[in-house]
Amino acid sequence: MRLLLMWYDPNENVQRDYEGTLPITIGRAPNNTIVLDSLRVSRQHALIQKINGKLMLTDLKSNNGTGLNDKTLRDESHPLHDSDRIVVAPFDIRLTLLDDGPDSTPDSADAKRQTASFDLPAPLHLLSDTESALLQDFMEVKRFAAGERLFSQGDDTDGCYLIDQGVVRLELDKPVDDEGDTDESLALVEAGNFIGELSLLDRLPRSASAFAHTELTARKLTLDAFDELVQAQPKIAFSLVLALGKAAALKLRATTKRLDQLSRRKA
């Protein structure tokens, strides 16, 4: 079984990763598979291995315990799964299963290793391969049929979307007593752009409704995943906030230009 472990090193302000096979030991001592340089890390802190055919994380009687998602292990073992989060404070480690034994082919392992299936918009395209993979590990692939609603105006925010394939139509809902009583198309947003980013940043209700104008493939960054990213990967989160801010600013400029054109027509 091959695993990929990726984490941010706050001591040197760099991203690190380890790809290898079991068993994997984690600790401060130099004889560990993964050496983490911090006084909060025990010399022999944790072990990843197979027990009775199951992938398990074991805390090796460490001083501060080993975090696993929302649990803290203390001298105990717990099953591990793909995308689990292992915390050996101050290090936050993401687990990716590259294969599950001898039946897996190298090609399938390589395909999973390359989590960056699609390009990221500026300035996220400047992230390293490891940083890009870490960011995309927080995102969920979603597919929508043409005409399907992604979210409605006035909804509480639950995240934002990065469009990979297809077009999203943004609409403003007219008041019930408005003439025609129909929705008004606000904009068409193509692949490579974010939607819903403003609500993610300000935590206010959705300012417009979003529909799949065509068949759509997008990646969703949920509100919880965004908050977790901020805590676990602050450097990557900062780049993401810049990208979301840029997306929101471009939409505002486009709306301002459209209003200016409408006012000139009426004049």
C-alpha atoms as a PDB file:
ATOM      1  CA  MET A   1       0.000   0.000   0.000  1.00  0.00           C
ATOM      2  CA  ARG A   2       1.384   3.371  -1.052  1.00  0.00           C
ATOM      3  CA  LEU A   3       0.442   6.546   0.802  1.00  0.00           C
ATOM      4  CA  LEU A   4       0.953  10.252   0.206  1.00  0.00           C
ATOM      5  CA  LEU A   5       1.251  12.487   3.274  1.00  0.00           C
ATOM      6  CA  MET A   6       1.345  16.276   2.809  1.00  0.00           C
ATOM      7  CA  TRP A   7       1.749  18.983   5.447  1.00  0.00           C
ATOM      8  CA  TYR A   8       2.798  22.575   6.035  1.00  0.00           C
ATOM      9  CA  ASP A   9       5.996  23.123   8.042  1.00  0.00           C
ATOM     10  CA  PRO A  10       5.475  26.302  10.105  1.00  0.00           C
ATOM     11  CA  ASN A  11       9.112  26.316  11.217  1.00  0.00           C
ATOM     12  CA  GLU A  12      10.469  26.831   7.709  1.00  0.00           C
ATOM     13  CA  ASN A  13       7.291  28.132   6.035  1.00  0.00           C
ATOM     14  CA  VAL A  14       7.319  25.417   3.353  1.00  0.00           C
ATOM     15  CA  GLN A  15       5.073  22.618   2.151  1.00  0.00           C
ATOM     16  CA  ARG A  16       6.386  19.093   2.606  1.00  0.00           C
ATOM     17  CA  ASP A  17       5.236  15.681   1.480  1.00  0.00           C
ATOM     18  CA  TYR A  18       6.177  12.042   1.814  1.00  0.00           C
ATOM     19  CA  GLU A  19       5.203   9.237  -0.562  1.00  0.00           C
ATOM     20  CA  GLY A  20       5.972   5.669   0.419  1.00  0.00           C
ATOM     21  CA  THR A  21       4.841   2.307   1.719  1.00  0.00           C
ATOM     22  CA  LEU A  22       3.971   0.952   5.146  1.00  0.00           C
ATOM     23  CA  PRO A  23       4.914   1.021   7.924  1.00  0.00           C
ATOM     24  CA  ILE A  24       5.356   4.762   8.420  1.00  0.00           C
ATOM     25  CA  THR A  25       6.615   6.145  11.725  1.00  0.00           C
ATOM     26  CA  ILE A  26       6.188   9.792  12.731  1.00  0.00           C
ATOM     27  CA  GLY A  27       8.197  11.564  15.410  1.00  0.00           C
ATOM     28  CA  ARG A  28      10.995  13.929  16.385  1.00  0.00           C
ATOM     29  CA  ALA A  29      13.801  11.326  16.408  1.00  0.00           C
ATOM     30  CA  PRO A  30      15.883  11.133  13.204  1.00  0.00           C
ATOM     31  CA  ASN A  31      15.197   7.408  12.724  1.00  0.00           C
ATOM     32  CA  ASN A  32      11.489   8.031  11.937  1.00  0.00           C
ATOM     33  CA  THR A  33      10.092   7.765   8.427  1.00  0.00           C
ATOM     34  CA  ILE A  34       8.717  11.294   8.811  1.00  0.00           C
ATOM     35  CA  VAL A  35      10.766  13.538  11.096  1.00  0.00           C
ATOM     36  CA  LEU A  36       8.892  16.534  12.551  1.00  0.00           C
ATOM     37  CA  ASP A  37      11.076  19.109  14.257  1.00  0.00           C
ATOM     38  CA  SER A  38       9.149  20.416  17.263  1.00  0.00           C
ATOM     39  CA  LEU A  39       9.420  20.014  21.027  1.00  0.00           C
ATOM     40  CA  ARG A  40       5.678  19.286  21.045  1.00  0.00           C
ATOM     41  CA  VAL A  41       6.332  16.149  18.990  1.00  0.00           C
ATOM     42  CA  SER A  42       7.456  13.047  20.897  1.00  0.00           C
ATOM     43  CA  ARG A  43      10.559  11.191  19.763  1.00  0.00           C
ATOM     44  CA  GLN A  44       8.381   8.261  18.690  1.00  0.00           C
ATOM     45  CA  HIS A  45       4.957   9.846  18.234  1.00  0.00           C
ATOM     46  CA  ALA A  46       2.737   7.825  15.882  1.00  0.00           C
ATOM     47  CA  LEU A  47       2.701   4.817  13.576  1.00  0.00           C
ATOM     48  CA  ILE A  48       0.760   4.067  10.385  1.00  0.00           C
ATOM     49  CA  GLN A  49       0.497   0.372   9.624  1.00  0.00           C
ATOM     50  CA  LYS A  50      -1.880  -2.433   8.666  1.00  0.00           C
ATOM     51  CA  ILE A  51      -3.496  -4.357  11.522  1.00  0.00           C
ATOM     52  CA  ASN A  52      -5.619  -7.377  10.555  1.00  0.00           C
ATOM     53  CA  GLY A  53      -5.801  -6.078   7.001  1.00  0.00           C
ATOM     54  CA  LYS A  54      -6.970  -2.573   7.991  1.00  0.00           C
ATOM     55  CA  LEU A  55      -4.997   0.652   7.660  1.00  0.00           C
ATOM     56  CA  MET A  56      -4.549   1.979  11.194  1.00  0.00           C
ATOM     57  CA  LEU A  57      -3.068   5.008  12.948  1.00  0.00           C
ATOM     58  CA  THR A  58      -1.515   4.276  16.352  1.00  0.00           C
ATOM     59  CA  ASP A  59      -0.479   6.825  18.956  1.00  0.00           C
ATOM     60  CA  LEU A  60       2.798   5.622  20.506  1.00  0.00           C
ATOM     61  CA  LYS A  61       2.154   6.912  24.041  1.00  0.00           C
ATOM     62  CA  SER A  62       3.035  10.430  22.890  1.00  0.00           C
ATOM     63  CA  ASN A  63       3.023  13.318  25.353  1.00  0.00           C
ATOM     64  CA  ASN A  64       0.339  15.353  23.550  1.00  0.00           C
ATOM     65  CA  GLY A  65      -1.639  12.666  21.736  1.00  0.00           C
ATOM     66  CA  THR A  66      -2.246  12.268  18.002  1.00  0.00           C
ATOM     67  CA  GLY A  67      -5.179  13.992  16.328  1.00  0.00           C
ATOM     68  CA  LEU A  68      -7.305  12.178  13.758  1.00  0.00           C
ATOM     69  CA  ASN A  69     -10.003  14.384  12.248  1.00  0.00           C
ATOM     70  CA  ASP A  70     -12.121  15.336  15.292  1.00  0.00           C
ATOM     71  CA  LYS A  71     -10.584  12.732  17.655  1.00  0.00           C
ATOM     72  CA  THR A  72      -7.465  12.651  19.813  1.00  0.00           C
ATOM     73  CA  LEU A  73      -5.737   9.277  20.143  1.00  0.00           C
ATOM     74  CA  ARG A  74      -3.767   8.477  23.285  1.00  0.00           C
ATOM     75  CA  ASP A  75      -1.949   5.151  23.305  1.00  0.00           C
ATOM     76  CA  GLU A  76      -4.599   3.656  21.017  1.00  0.00           C
ATOM     77  CA  SER A  77      -5.255   2.762  17.376  1.00  0.00           C
ATOM     78  CA  HIS A  78      -7.971   3.901  14.968  1.00  0.00           C
ATOM     79  CA  PRO A  79      -8.771   3.056  11.304  1.00  0.00           C
ATOM     80  CA  LEU A  80      -7.482   5.427   8.619  1.00  0.00           C
ATOM     81  CA  HIS A  81      -9.249   6.389   5.392  1.00  0.00           C
ATOM     82  CA  ASP A  82      -8.449   8.395   2.275  1.00  0.00           C
ATOM     83  CA  SER A  83      -8.330  12.190   2.908  1.00  0.00           C
ATOM     84  CA  ASP A  84      -8.133  11.776   6.689  1.00  0.00           C
ATOM     85  CA  ARG A  85      -6.433  14.550   8.635  1.00  0.00           C
ATOM     86  CA  ILE A  86      -3.675  13.576  11.079  1.00  0.00           C
ATOM     87  CA  VAL A  87      -2.583  16.231  13.578  1.00  0.00           C
ATOM     88  CA  VAL A  88       0.785  15.987  15.279  1.00  0.00           C
ATOM     89  CA  ALA A  89       0.783  19.505  16.667  1.00  0.00           C
ATOM     90  CA  PRO A  90       1.858  21.890  15.251  1.00  0.00           C
ATOM     91  CA  PHE A  91       1.803  19.839  12.032  1.00  0.00           C
ATOM     92  CA  ASP A  92      -1.438  19.179  10.140  1.00  0.00           C
ATOM     93  CA  ILE A  93      -1.007  16.206   7.811  1.00  0.00           C
ATOM     94  CA  ARG A  94      -3.317  15.184   4.939  1.00  0.00           C
ATOM     95  CA  LEU A  95      -3.457  11.512   3.936  1.00  0.00           C
ATOM     96  CA  THR A  96      -4.048  10.311   0.373  1.00  0.00           C
ATOM     97  CA  LEU A  97      -4.216   6.612  -0.537  1.00  0.00           C
ATOM     98  CA  LEU A  98      -2.363   6.087  -3.804  1.00  0.00           C
ATOM     99  CA  ASP A  99      -3.146   2.380  -4.070  1.00  0.00           C
ATOM    100  CA  ASP A 100      -4.600  -0.355  -1.908  1.00  0.00           C
ATOM    101  CA  GLY A 101      -2.269  -3.257  -2.473  1.00  0.00           C
ATOM    102  CA  PRO A 102      -0.599  -5.324  -5.205  1.00  0.00           C
ATOM    103  CA  ASP A 103      -3.721  -5.421  -7.402  1.00  0.00           C
ATOM    104  CA  SER A 104      -3.479  -1.684  -8.086  1.00  0.00           C
ATOM    105  CA  THR A 105      -1.583  -0.684 -11.205  1.00  0.00           C
ATOM    106  CA  PRO A 106       1.094   2.037 -11.337  1.00  0.00           C
ATOM    107  CA  ASP A 107      -1.106   3.970 -13.761  1.00  0.00           C
ATOM    108  CA  SER A 108      -4.009   4.108 -11.310  1.00  0.00           C
ATOM    109  CA  ALA A 109      -1.696   5.213  -8.518  1.00  0.00           C
ATOM    110  CA  ASP A 110      -0.230   7.946 -10.703  1.00  0.00           C
ATOM    111  CA  ALA A 111      -3.724   9.122 -11.641  1.00  0.00           C
ATOM    112  CA  LYS A 112      -4.683   9.511  -8.007  1.00  0.00           C
ATOM    113  CA  ARG A 113      -1.362  11.197  -7.213  1.00  0.00           C
ATOM    114  CA  GLN A 114      -2.230  13.882  -9.741  1.00  0.00           C
ATOM    115  CA  THR A 115      -5.138  15.428  -7.871  1.00  0.00           C
ATOM    116  CA  ALA A 116      -4.784  18.644  -9.852  1.00  0.00           C
ATOM    117  CA  SER A 117      -7.159  17.441 -12.582  1.00  0.00           C
ATOM    118  CA  PHE A 118      -7.928  20.950 -13.773  1.00  0.00           C
ATOM    119  CA  ASP A 119      -6.043  24.233 -13.877  1.00  0.00           C
ATOM    120  CA  LEU A 120      -6.513  26.793 -11.118  1.00  0.00           C
ATOM    121  CA  PRO A 121      -7.175  30.478 -11.899  1.00  0.00           C
ATOM    122  CA  ALA A 122      -4.683  33.248 -11.082  1.00  0.00           C
ATOM    123  CA  PRO A 123      -3.045  33.723  -8.665  1.00  0.00           C
ATOM    124  CA  LEU A 124      -3.577  30.076  -7.630  1.00  0.00           C
ATOM    125  CA  HIS A 125      -1.719  28.890 -10.735  1.00  0.00           C
ATOM    126  CA  LEU A 126       1.477  30.044  -9.010  1.00  0.00           C
ATOM    127  CA  LEU A 127       1.093  27.450  -6.245  1.00  0.00           C
ATOM    128  CA  SER A 128       3.559  24.577  -6.254  1.00  0.00           C
ATOM    129  CA  ASP A 129       2.346  21.127  -7.332  1.00  0.00           C
ATOM    130  CA  THR A 130       2.166  20.064  -3.688  1.00  0.00           C
ATOM    131  CA  GLU A 131       0.273  23.210  -2.660  1.00  0.00           C
ATOM    132  CA  SER A 132      -2.116  22.832  -5.590  1.00  0.00           C
ATOM    133  CA  ALA A 133      -2.818  19.219  -4.629  1.00  0.00           C
ATOM    134  CA  LEU A 134      -3.369  20.227  -1.002  1.00  0.00           C
ATOM    135  CA  LEU A 135      -5.862  22.930  -1.973  1.00  0.00           C
ATOM    136  CA  GLN A 136      -7.798  20.700  -4.332  1.00  0.00           C
ATOM    137  CA  ASP A 137      -7.973  18.028  -1.651  1.00  0.00           C
ATOM    138  CA  PHE A 138     -10.337  20.385   0.211  1.00  0.00           C
ATOM    139  CA  MET A 139     -12.684  20.648  -2.810  1.00  0.00           C
ATOM    140  CA  GLU A 140     -15.503  18.328  -3.912  1.00  0.00           C
ATOM    141  CA  VAL A 141     -16.279  17.596  -7.583  1.00  0.00           C
ATOM    142  CA  LYS A 142     -19.937  18.351  -8.412  1.00  0.00           C
ATOM    143  CA  ARG A 143     -21.852  17.758 -11.658  1.00  0.00           C
ATOM    144  CA  PHE A 144     -25.096  19.461 -12.683  1.00  0.00           C
ATOM    145  CA  ALA A 145     -27.534  18.961 -15.558  1.00  0.00           C
ATOM    146  CA  ALA A 146     -28.409  21.932 -17.735  1.00  0.00           C
ATOM    147  CA  GLY A 147     -31.001  24.061 -15.958  1.00  0.00           C
ATOM    148  CA  GLU A 148     -30.236  22.671 -12.493  1.00  0.00           C
ATOM    149  CA  ARG A 149     -30.050  25.223  -9.679  1.00  0.00           C
ATOM    150  CA  LEU A 150     -26.799  25.513  -7.708  1.00  0.00           C
ATOM    151  CA  PHE A 151     -28.113  27.999  -5.146  1.00  0.00           C
ATOM    152  CA  SER A 152     -30.844  30.620  -4.749  1.00  0.00           C
ATOM    153  CA  GLN A 153     -30.769  34.337  -4.049  1.00  0.00           C
ATOM    154  CA  GLY A 154     -31.192  34.897  -0.314  1.00  0.00           C
ATOM    155  CA  ASP A 155     -29.839  31.467   0.691  1.00  0.00           C
ATOM    156  CA  ASP A 156     -27.326  31.271   3.500  1.00  0.00           C
ATOM    157  CA  THR A 157     -23.883  30.575   2.078  1.00  0.00           C
ATOM    158  CA  ASP A 158     -22.553  27.028   2.189  1.00  0.00           C
ATOM    159  CA  GLY A 159     -19.449  27.613   0.067  1.00  0.00           C
ATOM    160  CA  CYS A 160     -18.341  28.608  -3.417  1.00  0.00           C
ATOM    161  CA  TYR A 161     -17.749  26.832  -6.730  1.00  0.00           C
ATOM    162  CA  LEU A 162     -14.895  26.791  -9.227  1.00  0.00           C
ATOM    163  CA  ILE A 163     -16.271  26.066 -12.700  1.00  0.00           C
ATOM    164  CA  ASP A 164     -14.229  23.466 -14.568  1.00  0.00           C
ATOM    165  CA  GLN A 165     -16.489  22.720 -17.557  1.00  0.00           C
ATOM    166  CA  GLY A 166     -19.656  24.421 -18.748  1.00  0.00           C
ATOM    167  CA  VAL A 167     -21.372  27.769 -18.113  1.00  0.00           C
ATOM    168  CA  VAL A 168     -23.257  29.104 -15.073  1.00  0.00           C
ATOM    169  CA  ARG A 169     -26.098  31.632 -15.415  1.00  0.00           C
ATOM    170  CA  LEU A 170     -26.538  34.155 -12.603  1.00  0.00           C
ATOM    171  CA  GLU A 171     -29.994  35.641 -12.141  1.00  0.00           C
ATOM    172  CA  LEU A 172     -31.612  38.310  -9.976  1.00  0.00           C
ATOM    173  CA  ASP A 173     -35.110  37.454  -8.764  1.00  0.00           C
ATOM    174  CA  LYS A 174     -37.635  40.178  -9.553  1.00  0.00           C
ATOM    175  CA  PRO A 175     -40.205  41.172  -6.942  1.00  0.00           C
ATOM    176  CA  VAL A 176     -43.558  39.377  -7.205  1.00  0.00           C
ATOM    177  CA  ASP A 177     -45.318  42.598  -8.256  1.00  0.00           C
ATOM    178  CA  ASP A 178     -42.722  43.359 -10.966  1.00  0.00           C
ATOM    179  CA  GLU A 179     -43.988  43.353 -14.530  1.00  0.00           C
ATOM    180  CA  GLY A 180     -43.630  39.926 -16.124  1.00  0.00           C
ATOM    181  CA  ASP A 181     -42.839  38.255 -12.772  1.00  0.00           C
ATOM    182  CA  THR A 182     -39.797  36.509 -14.180  1.00  0.00           C
ATOM    183  CA  ASP A 183     -36.114  36.195 -13.338  1.00  0.00           C
ATOM    184  CA  GLU A 184     -33.659  38.562 -14.966  1.00  0.00           C
ATOM    185  CA  SER A 185     -30.373  37.195 -16.285  1.00  0.00           C
ATOM    186  CA  LEU A 186     -27.462  38.942 -14.610  1.00  0.00           C
ATOM    187  CA  ALA A 187     -24.423  37.277 -16.186  1.00  0.00           C
ATOM    188  CA  LEU A 188     -22.980  34.131 -17.741  1.00  0.00           C
ATOM    189  CA  VAL A 189     -19.892  32.780 -16.005  1.00  0.00           C
ATOM    190  CA  GLU A 190     -17.609  30.461 -17.965  1.00  0.00           C
ATOM    191  CA  ALA A 191     -15.099  27.775 -16.984  1.00  0.00           C
ATOM    192  CA  GLY A 192     -12.080  28.878 -14.979  1.00  0.00           C
ATOM    193  CA  ASN A 193     -14.061  31.276 -12.779  1.00  0.00           C
ATOM    194  CA  PHE A 194     -15.481  31.196  -9.262  1.00  0.00           C
ATOM    195  CA  ILE A 195     -19.130  31.715  -8.353  1.00  0.00           C
ATOM    196  CA  GLY A 196     -20.524  32.272  -4.876  1.00  0.00           C
ATOM    197  CA  GLU A 197     -17.222  33.682  -3.662  1.00  0.00           C
ATOM    198  CA  LEU A 198     -18.708  36.903  -2.268  1.00  0.00           C
ATOM    199  CA  SER A 199     -20.978  35.092   0.194  1.00  0.00           C
ATOM    200  CA  LEU A 200     -18.090  32.875   1.240  1.00  0.00           C
ATOM    201  CA  LEU A 201     -15.986  35.928   2.069  1.00  0.00           C
ATOM    202  CA  ASP A 202     -18.607  38.104   3.809  1.00  0.00           C
ATOM    203  CA  ARG A 203     -20.847  35.264   5.154  1.00  0.00           C
ATOM    204  CA  LEU A 204     -23.972  37.149   4.017  1.00  0.00           C
ATOM    205  CA  PRO A 205     -26.903  35.577   2.082  1.00  0.00           C
ATOM    206  CA  ARG A 206     -26.544  34.886  -1.631  1.00  0.00           C
ATOM    207  CA  SER A 207     -26.919  38.045  -3.711  1.00  0.00           C
ATOM    208  CA  ALA A 208     -28.102  36.153  -6.825  1.00  0.00           C
ATOM    209  CA  SER A 209     -29.333  32.755  -7.962  1.00  0.00           C
ATOM    210  CA  ALA A 210     -27.075  30.427  -9.959  1.00  0.00           C
ATOM    211  CA  PHE A 211     -28.157  27.865 -12.562  1.00  0.00           C
ATOM    212  CA  ALA A 212     -26.233  25.457 -14.789  1.00  0.00           C
ATOM    213  CA  HIS A 213     -26.711  27.116 -18.178  1.00  0.00           C
ATOM    214  CA  THR A 214     -25.156  24.033 -19.791  1.00  0.00           C
ATOM    215  CA  GLU A 215     -24.065  20.676 -18.411  1.00  0.00           C
ATOM    216  CA  LEU A 216     -21.661  21.625 -15.672  1.00  0.00           C
ATOM    217  CA  THR A 217     -18.667  20.245 -13.812  1.00  0.00           C
ATOM    218  CA  ALA A 218     -17.473  22.305 -10.863  1.00  0.00           C
ATOM    219  CA  ARG A 219     -15.519  21.924  -7.658  1.00  0.00           C
ATOM    220  CA  LYS A 220     -17.170  23.067  -4.464  1.00  0.00           C
ATOM    221  CA  LEU A 221     -15.278  24.512  -1.520  1.00  0.00           C
ATOM    222  CA  THR A 222     -17.658  24.281   1.426  1.00  0.00           C
ATOM    223  CA  LEU A 223     -17.722  26.816   4.227  1.00  0.00           C
ATOM    224  CA  ASP A 224     -16.376  24.238   6.690  1.00  0.00           C
ATOM    225  CA  ALA A 225     -13.593  23.200   4.301  1.00  0.00           C
ATOM    226  CA  PHE A 226     -12.605  26.847   3.787  1.00  0.00           C
ATOM    227  CA  ASP A 227     -12.398  27.445   7.552  1.00  0.00           C
ATOM    228  CA  GLU A 228     -10.354  24.260   7.954  1.00  0.00           C
ATOM    229  CA  LEU A 229      -8.010  25.348   5.149  1.00  0.00           C
ATOM    230  CA  VAL A 230      -7.435  28.702   6.871  1.00  0.00           C
ATOM    231  CA  GLN A 231      -6.380  26.907  10.049  1.00  0.00           C
ATOM    232  CA  ALA A 232      -4.370  24.099   8.470  1.00  0.00           C
ATOM    233  CA  GLN A 233      -2.766  25.795   5.454  1.00  0.00           C
ATOM    234  CA  PRO A 234      -2.640  29.582   6.014  1.00  0.00           C
ATOM    235  CA  LYS A 235      -0.280  30.263   3.117  1.00  0.00           C
ATOM    236  CA  ILE A 236      -2.521  28.459   0.627  1.00  0.00           C
ATOM    237  CA  ALA A 237      -5.608  30.051   2.174  1.00  0.00           C
ATOM    238  CA  PHE A 238      -4.105  33.522   1.648  1.00  0.00           C
ATOM    239  CA  SER A 239      -3.607  32.795  -2.070  1.00  0.00           C
ATOM    240  CA  LEU A 240      -7.169  31.503  -2.252  1.00  0.00           C
ATOM    241  CA  VAL A 241      -8.570  34.648  -0.616  1.00  0.00           C
ATOM    242  CA  LEU A 242      -6.684  36.752  -3.175  1.00  0.00           C
ATOM    243  CA  ALA A 243      -8.215  34.679  -5.986  1.00  0.00           C
ATOM    244  CA  LEU A 244     -11.726  34.970  -4.525  1.00  0.00           C
ATOM    245  CA  GLY A 245     -11.289  38.700  -4.022  1.00  0.00           C
ATOM    246  CA  LYS A 246     -10.154  39.089  -7.617  1.00  0.00           C
ATOM    247  CA  ALA A 247     -13.170  37.100  -8.860  1.00  0.00           C
ATOM    248  CA  ALA A 248     -15.564  39.279  -6.830  1.00  0.00           C
ATOM    249  CA  ALA A 249     -13.877  42.484  -8.050  1.00  0.00           C
ATOM    250  CA  LEU A 250     -14.099  41.447 -11.712  1.00  0.00           C
ATOM    251  CA  LYS A 251     -17.821  40.721 -11.363  1.00  0.00           C
ATOM    252  CA  LEU A 252     -18.335  44.130  -9.717  1.00  0.00           C
ATOM    253  CA  ARG A 253     -16.476  45.867 -12.543  1.00  0.00           C
ATOM    254  CA  ALA A 254     -18.569  44.000 -15.128  1.00  0.00           C
ATOM    255  CA  THR A 255     -21.793  45.002 -13.350  1.00  0.00           C
ATOM    256  CA  THR A 256     -20.646  48.628 -13.140  1.00  0.00           C
ATOM    257  CA  LYS A 257     -19.885  48.631 -16.868  1.00  0.00           C
ATOM    258  CA  ARG A 258     -23.287  47.144 -17.647  1.00  0.00           C
ATOM    259  CA  LEU A 259     -25.096  49.747 -15.518  1.00  0.00           C
ATOM    260  CA  ASP A 260     -23.148  52.496 -17.243  1.00  0.00           C
ATOM    261  CA  GLN A 261     -24.178  51.148 -20.664  1.00  0.00           C
ATOM    262  CA  LEU A 262     -27.842  50.965 -19.579  1.00  0.00           C
ATOM    263  CA  SER A 263     -27.790  54.529 -18.236  1.00  0.00           C
ATOM    264  CA  ARG A 264     -26.306  55.790 -21.514  1.00  0.00           C
ATOM    265  CA  ARG A 265     -29.075  54.078 -23.495  1.00  0.00           C
ATOM    266  CA  LYS A 266     -31.789  55.680 -21.370  1.00  0.00           C
ATOM    267  CA  ALA A 267     -30.122  59.057 -21.744  1.00  0.00           C
END
